[in-house]
Protein backbone atom coordinates (compact mmCIF):
# COMPACT_ATOMS: atom_id res chain seq x y z
CA MET A 1 101.38 126.55 148.67
CA VAL A 2 104.96 127.50 147.85
CA CYS A 3 105.70 128.27 144.20
CA GLY A 4 109.02 128.75 142.47
CA ALA A 5 109.36 132.13 140.82
CA CYS A 6 112.95 132.03 139.63
CA HIS A 7 114.00 134.28 136.76
CA PRO A 8 117.09 132.53 135.37
CA PRO A 9 118.66 135.61 133.70
CA SER A 10 118.47 137.54 137.00
CA ALA A 11 119.78 134.56 138.96
CA HIS A 12 122.70 134.34 136.52
CA ARG A 13 123.48 138.05 136.97
CA ALA A 14 123.48 137.66 140.75
CA LEU A 15 125.58 134.49 140.74
CA SER A 16 128.07 136.02 138.33
CA ALA A 17 128.54 138.98 140.65
CA ALA A 18 128.69 136.97 143.89
CA PRO A 19 128.52 133.14 143.75
CA GLU A 20 127.84 132.98 147.50
CA VAL A 21 124.46 134.64 146.94
CA GLY A 22 123.04 131.38 145.59
CA VAL A 23 121.73 130.38 149.01
CA LEU A 24 119.79 133.65 149.26
CA LEU A 25 118.17 133.85 145.85
CA PRO A 26 114.57 134.97 146.41
CA CYS A 27 112.69 132.45 144.32
CA ASN A 28 109.80 131.45 146.56
CA VAL A 29 106.32 132.90 146.47
CA THR A 30 103.59 131.65 148.80
CA VAL A 31 99.87 131.48 148.10
CA SER A 32 97.36 130.89 150.87
CA ILE A 33 93.68 131.35 151.61
CA GLU A 34 93.07 133.51 154.67
CA GLU A 35 89.59 134.51 155.79
CA GLY A 36 88.23 133.65 152.34
CA ARG A 37 90.82 135.74 150.48
CA THR A 38 93.74 134.59 148.37
CA VAL A 39 96.98 136.00 149.78
CA VAL A 40 100.17 136.01 147.69
CA ARG A 41 103.48 136.78 149.42
CA ALA A 42 107.02 137.23 148.14
CA MET A 43 110.17 138.39 149.87
CA ASN A 44 111.91 141.67 149.06
CA PRO A 45 114.81 140.67 146.78
CA THR A 46 116.59 144.00 147.22
CA ALA A 47 116.71 143.52 150.98
CA VAL A 48 117.73 139.86 150.78
CA LEU A 49 120.52 140.42 148.27
CA GLY A 50 121.67 143.39 150.35
CA ILE A 51 122.65 140.96 153.11
CA VAL A 52 125.72 140.00 151.08
CA GLY A 53 126.97 143.58 151.08
CA ARG A 54 128.03 143.59 147.42
CA PRO A 55 126.99 146.85 145.65
CA GLU A 56 126.84 145.11 142.28
CA LEU A 57 123.84 143.11 143.51
CA GLN A 58 121.77 146.25 144.15
CA SER A 59 120.54 146.56 140.56
CA VAL A 60 119.68 142.85 140.38
CA GLY A 61 117.62 143.15 143.55
CA GLU A 62 115.86 146.26 142.30
CA ASP A 63 115.03 144.66 138.95
CA VAL A 64 113.62 141.50 140.54
CA THR A 65 111.70 143.51 143.16
CA ALA A 66 110.10 145.57 140.39
CA ALA A 67 109.17 142.41 138.46
CA LEU A 68 107.59 140.81 141.53
CA HIS A 69 105.61 143.99 142.21
CA ARG A 70 104.27 143.95 138.62
CA VAL A 71 103.17 140.33 139.02
CA LEU A 72 101.56 140.92 142.41
CA GLU A 73 99.74 144.01 141.11
CA ALA A 74 98.47 142.03 138.12
CA CYS A 75 97.10 139.40 140.51
CA GLN A 76 95.03 142.08 142.24
CA ALA A 77 93.45 143.30 139.01
């Protein structure tokens, strides 16, 4: 299963800094069952936004990465 996990305020920050980043916005999260366990995966937004090479995107990537980590950790609890 692929789920959308877009955070519109963060997407707006990224697009305002670099409109071309729209094709890279890390909004997908996958959920699968593997060997009887639920596995949730998300890409690393800091790494993906770093592809553009615009320093102003660093903080956006870090903020979204931190948010995804909080969600994934909550899923494990």
